[in-house]
Amino acid sequence: IRASNGYWKIVFSGKSILMPLTSERFWLDWDSAVSIIGHDIEIKETYNALIESLEMPDLFIDIGGNYGTHSLLFLVQNIKTMTFEPNRACHAYFRSVCKLNEVVERLEPIALGAGGGYIELSYPESDTWVGSTDTTVVKNLASTHQLVTEKKKKKRLDDYFPQIEHHQALIKLDTEGNELAVLQGAVRILQEIKPKVIFESRGGGDRIKLFNLLHSCNYGICY
């Protein structure tokens, strides 16, 4: 599809957001423009409700940020945001959209997990949003896609404790199967700071372990 360069304007929680439409990457621009508030509608409605409530977060922690559209919803509200996305293929787009909307991102190009070191991230080149560090997910992806695999630095979210404490934080967690490991590396934050957490969870034994971990930190789960 070829198109003239332009913008798609949306309004979220009273703030205007410009999404670029460029001929050279129209496939990505169009998907991002229509999905920024049109995909995962229940989550976006929850964001809106929290932003307009007395419990409005003053820090949004976007784990598995991908192209940064979730982060952008908070940045335009002047809410501080930390965006964790190890896939560098996503970074230029996120930075360009932030520049267009005159907001300043904080992008952490690392993977989060239960410990430090390094980990392999695998993803289909044209479908970066399904990239994962989970071996089972990667095996399933490899059966239907040609994958790009990269070695990435890994930290715990708890390593960022001094930068998160004293904030009313909201965490969005979507790491395509690695959610349990991320939360295992965030126990201190869960126990002491008690941020709200919106998370994706796959079925199976890891879901039970993840739920048990949250319950051990005195979290209730709504779904």
Protein backbone atom coordinates (compact mmCIF):
# COMPACT_ATOMS: atom_id res chain seq x y z
CA ILE A 1 0.00 0.00 0.00
CA ARG A 2 1.32 3.45 -0.95
CA ALA A 3 0.03 6.56 0.72
CA SER A 4 0.86 10.22 1.14
CA ASN A 5 2.52 11.12 4.40
CA GLY A 6 0.18 12.44 7.06
CA TYR A 7 -1.10 11.93 10.59
CA TRP A 8 -3.87 10.11 12.39
CA LYS A 9 -5.20 12.09 15.35
CA ILE A 10 -6.85 10.41 18.32
CA VAL A 11 -7.99 11.67 21.71
CA PHE A 12 -7.37 9.65 24.85
CA SER A 13 -8.44 10.80 28.30
CA GLY A 14 -8.73 14.38 27.06
CA LYS A 15 -5.31 14.52 25.37
CA SER A 16 -4.65 14.54 21.63
CA ILE A 17 -2.16 12.08 20.17
CA LEU A 18 -0.69 12.23 16.68
CA MET A 19 0.21 8.95 15.00
CA PRO A 20 2.36 9.19 11.85
CA LEU A 21 1.24 7.76 8.51
CA THR A 22 4.21 7.40 6.16
CA SER A 23 4.41 5.71 2.80
CA GLU A 24 7.62 3.80 3.59
CA ARG A 25 6.26 2.07 6.68
CA PHE A 26 2.52 2.31 6.18
CA TRP A 27 1.99 -1.29 7.37
CA LEU A 28 3.32 -0.37 10.81
CA ASP A 29 1.94 3.15 11.01
CA TRP A 30 -1.60 2.11 10.16
CA ASP A 31 -1.60 -0.84 12.57
CA SER A 32 -0.29 1.38 15.37
CA ALA A 33 -2.73 4.20 14.64
CA VAL A 34 -5.84 2.02 14.77
CA SER A 35 -4.66 -0.22 17.61
CA ILE A 36 -3.34 2.35 20.09
CA ILE A 37 -6.83 2.63 21.59
CA GLY A 38 -8.68 0.11 19.40
CA HIS A 39 -6.82 -3.01 20.58
CA ASP A 40 -7.09 -4.52 24.08
CA ILE A 41 -10.00 -2.16 24.66
CA GLU A 42 -10.63 -3.32 28.23
CA ILE A 43 -7.05 -2.45 29.16
CA LYS A 44 -7.26 0.98 27.55
CA GLU A 45 -10.54 1.63 29.37
CA THR A 46 -8.83 0.64 32.63
CA TYR A 47 -5.99 3.06 31.89
CA ASN A 48 -8.52 5.82 31.27
CA ALA A 49 -10.41 5.07 34.47
CA LEU A 50 -7.21 5.15 36.54
CA ILE A 51 -5.99 8.38 34.93
CA GLU A 52 -9.30 10.08 35.73
CA SER A 53 -9.48 8.67 39.28
CA LEU A 54 -8.06 9.73 42.64
CA GLU A 55 -5.63 6.82 42.23
CA MET A 56 -4.03 8.21 39.08
CA PRO A 57 -0.54 6.71 38.76
CA ASP A 58 2.44 9.05 38.68
CA LEU A 59 4.68 6.34 37.18
CA PHE A 60 3.80 3.88 34.39
CA ILE A 61 6.13 0.89 34.02
CA ASP A 62 5.69 -0.68 30.60
CA ILE A 63 7.32 -4.13 30.57
CA GLY A 64 7.31 -5.56 27.07
CA GLY A 65 6.80 -2.12 25.57
CA ASN A 66 7.19 -3.18 21.93
CA TYR A 67 6.51 -0.07 19.79
CA GLY A 68 5.58 1.93 22.88
CA THR A 69 1.93 2.68 22.20
CA HIS A 70 0.89 1.88 25.79
CA SER A 71 3.66 4.14 27.11
CA LEU A 72 2.59 6.96 24.80
CA LEU A 73 -0.90 7.03 26.35
CA PHE A 74 0.67 7.96 29.69
CA LEU A 75 3.44 10.20 28.37
CA VAL A 76 0.92 12.59 26.79
CA GLN A 77 -0.72 12.85 30.23
CA ASN A 78 2.63 14.04 31.67
CA ILE A 79 2.92 10.82 33.64
CA LYS A 80 6.48 9.58 34.06
CA THR A 81 7.05 6.37 32.14
CA MET A 82 9.68 3.61 32.11
CA THR A 83 9.52 1.48 28.97
CA PHE A 84 11.35 -1.85 29.00
CA GLU A 85 11.83 -3.26 25.51
CA PRO A 86 14.90 -5.35 24.58
CA ASN A 87 14.11 -5.50 20.85
CA ARG A 88 15.98 -2.64 19.21
CA ALA A 89 13.89 -3.06 16.06
CA CYS A 90 11.09 -1.30 17.95
CA HIS A 91 13.07 1.62 19.34
CA ALA A 92 13.29 3.99 16.38
CA TYR A 93 9.53 3.97 15.85
CA PHE A 94 8.79 4.63 19.52
CA ARG A 95 11.28 7.48 19.68
CA SER A 96 9.91 9.05 16.50
CA VAL A 97 6.32 8.98 17.78
CA CYS A 98 7.41 10.48 21.10
CA LYS A 99 9.21 13.27 19.23
CA LEU A 100 6.12 13.92 17.11
CA ASN A 101 4.04 14.30 20.28
CA GLU A 102 6.70 16.37 22.07
CA VAL A 103 7.14 13.96 24.97
CA VAL A 104 10.36 12.53 26.36
CA GLU A 105 10.55 8.77 26.71
CA ARG A 106 12.69 6.71 29.06
CA LEU A 107 13.54 3.58 27.13
CA GLU A 108 15.38 0.71 28.83
CA PRO A 109 16.73 -1.63 26.10
CA ILE A 110 16.99 -4.68 28.35
CA ALA A 111 15.04 -7.82 29.22
CA LEU A 112 13.65 -8.24 32.72
CA GLY A 113 13.71 -11.54 34.56
CA ALA A 114 14.37 -13.29 37.85
CA GLY A 115 18.09 -12.50 37.79
CA GLY A 116 20.86 -10.75 35.93
CA GLY A 117 23.11 -11.82 33.09
CA TYR A 118 22.08 -12.36 29.48
CA ILE A 119 19.19 -14.07 27.70
CA GLU A 120 18.21 -14.82 24.10
CA LEU A 121 15.29 -12.97 22.55
CA SER A 122 13.69 -14.51 19.44
CA TYR A 123 11.10 -12.87 17.20
CA PRO A 124 9.73 -12.96 13.64
CA GLU A 125 11.27 -10.01 11.79
CA SER A 126 7.91 -8.60 10.68
CA ASP A 127 5.99 -9.55 13.85
CA THR A 128 8.15 -8.18 16.64
CA TRP A 129 5.24 -8.01 19.08
CA VAL A 130 5.24 -11.81 19.53
CA GLY A 131 8.95 -11.98 20.37
CA SER A 132 9.80 -13.93 23.51
CA THR A 133 12.59 -15.17 25.75
CA ASP A 134 10.51 -18.16 26.89
CA THR A 135 11.86 -21.37 25.35
CA THR A 136 8.44 -22.99 24.90
CA VAL A 137 7.01 -19.92 23.17
CA VAL A 138 10.08 -19.64 20.94
CA LYS A 139 9.82 -23.31 19.95
CA ASN A 140 6.19 -22.80 18.91
CA LEU A 141 7.10 -19.64 16.96
CA ALA A 142 9.89 -21.45 15.13
CA SER A 143 7.39 -23.98 13.78
CA THR A 144 5.63 -21.28 11.75
CA HIS A 145 8.11 -18.38 11.41
CA GLN A 146 11.68 -17.63 10.45
CA LEU A 147 13.08 -16.15 13.66
CA VAL A 148 15.69 -13.54 14.48
CA THR A 149 17.56 -14.39 17.69
CA GLU A 150 19.62 -11.88 19.65
CA LYS A 151 21.49 -11.96 22.94
CA LYS A 152 20.16 -9.36 25.37
CA LYS A 153 21.23 -8.00 28.74
CA LYS A 154 18.93 -9.00 31.59
CA LYS A 155 18.13 -7.34 34.92
CA ARG A 156 15.55 -7.61 37.69
CA LEU A 157 12.90 -4.95 38.10
CA ASP A 158 13.98 -4.84 41.76
CA ASP A 159 17.29 -3.39 40.52
CA TYR A 160 15.28 -0.24 39.80
CA PHE A 161 13.75 -0.05 43.29
CA PRO A 162 15.28 3.36 44.20
CA GLN A 163 13.78 4.90 41.05
CA ILE A 164 10.32 3.41 41.70
CA GLU A 165 9.86 3.85 45.45
CA HIS A 166 7.74 6.80 46.60
CA HIS A 167 5.69 6.54 43.40
CA GLN A 168 2.11 5.45 42.88
CA ALA A 169 3.07 3.07 40.11
CA LEU A 170 1.15 1.07 37.54
CA ILE A 171 2.85 -1.87 35.83
CA LYS A 172 1.80 -3.30 32.47
CA LEU A 173 3.38 -6.71 31.93
CA ASP A 174 3.23 -8.46 28.55
CA THR A 175 6.34 -10.48 27.73
CA GLU A 176 4.94 -13.40 25.74
CA GLY A 177 5.39 -16.12 28.34
CA ASN A 178 8.11 -14.63 30.57
CA GLU A 179 5.75 -12.94 33.04
CA LEU A 180 6.51 -15.30 35.95
CA ALA A 181 10.26 -14.67 35.76
CA VAL A 182 9.71 -10.91 35.60
CA LEU A 183 7.58 -10.96 38.75
CA GLN A 184 10.07 -13.23 40.51
CA GLY A 185 12.57 -10.44 39.94
CA ALA A 186 10.16 -7.82 41.31
CA VAL A 187 9.15 -9.30 44.69
CA ARG A 188 10.58 -6.45 46.73
CA ILE A 189 8.72 -3.90 44.64
CA LEU A 190 5.49 -5.88 44.92
CA GLN A 191 5.81 -6.26 48.69
CA GLU A 192 7.02 -2.76 49.61
CA ILE A 193 5.73 -0.42 46.90
CA LYS A 194 2.60 -2.39 45.97
CA PRO A 195 2.04 -1.06 42.45
CA LYS A 196 -1.06 -1.99 40.52
CA VAL A 197 -0.24 -4.67 37.94
CA ILE A 198 -1.99 -5.39 34.65
CA PHE A 199 -0.55 -8.59 33.24
CA GLU A 200 -0.94 -11.19 30.54
CA SER A 201 -0.81 -14.85 31.60
CA ARG A 202 -0.62 -18.03 29.54
CA GLY A 203 -2.25 -21.24 30.72
CA GLY A 204 -0.46 -24.16 32.35
CA GLY A 205 1.75 -24.60 35.38
CA ASP A 206 3.41 -21.20 35.12
CA ARG A 207 0.03 -19.51 35.52
CA ILE A 208 -0.51 -21.29 38.84
CA LYS A 209 3.00 -20.30 39.99
CA LEU A 210 2.41 -16.72 38.90
CA PHE A 211 -0.91 -16.51 40.74
CA ASN A 212 0.68 -18.06 43.85
CA LEU A 213 3.50 -15.52 43.75
CA LEU A 214 1.05 -12.63 43.57
CA HIS A 215 -1.04 -14.06 46.40
CA SER A 216 2.14 -14.44 48.52
CA CYS A 217 2.67 -10.69 48.04
CA ASN A 218 -0.91 -10.02 49.21
CA TYR A 219 -2.30 -9.26 45.77
CA GLY A 220 -5.84 -10.00 44.73
CA ILE A 221 -6.37 -11.00 41.10
CA CYS A 222 -9.25 -9.79 38.94
CA TYR A 223 -9.90 -11.27 35.48
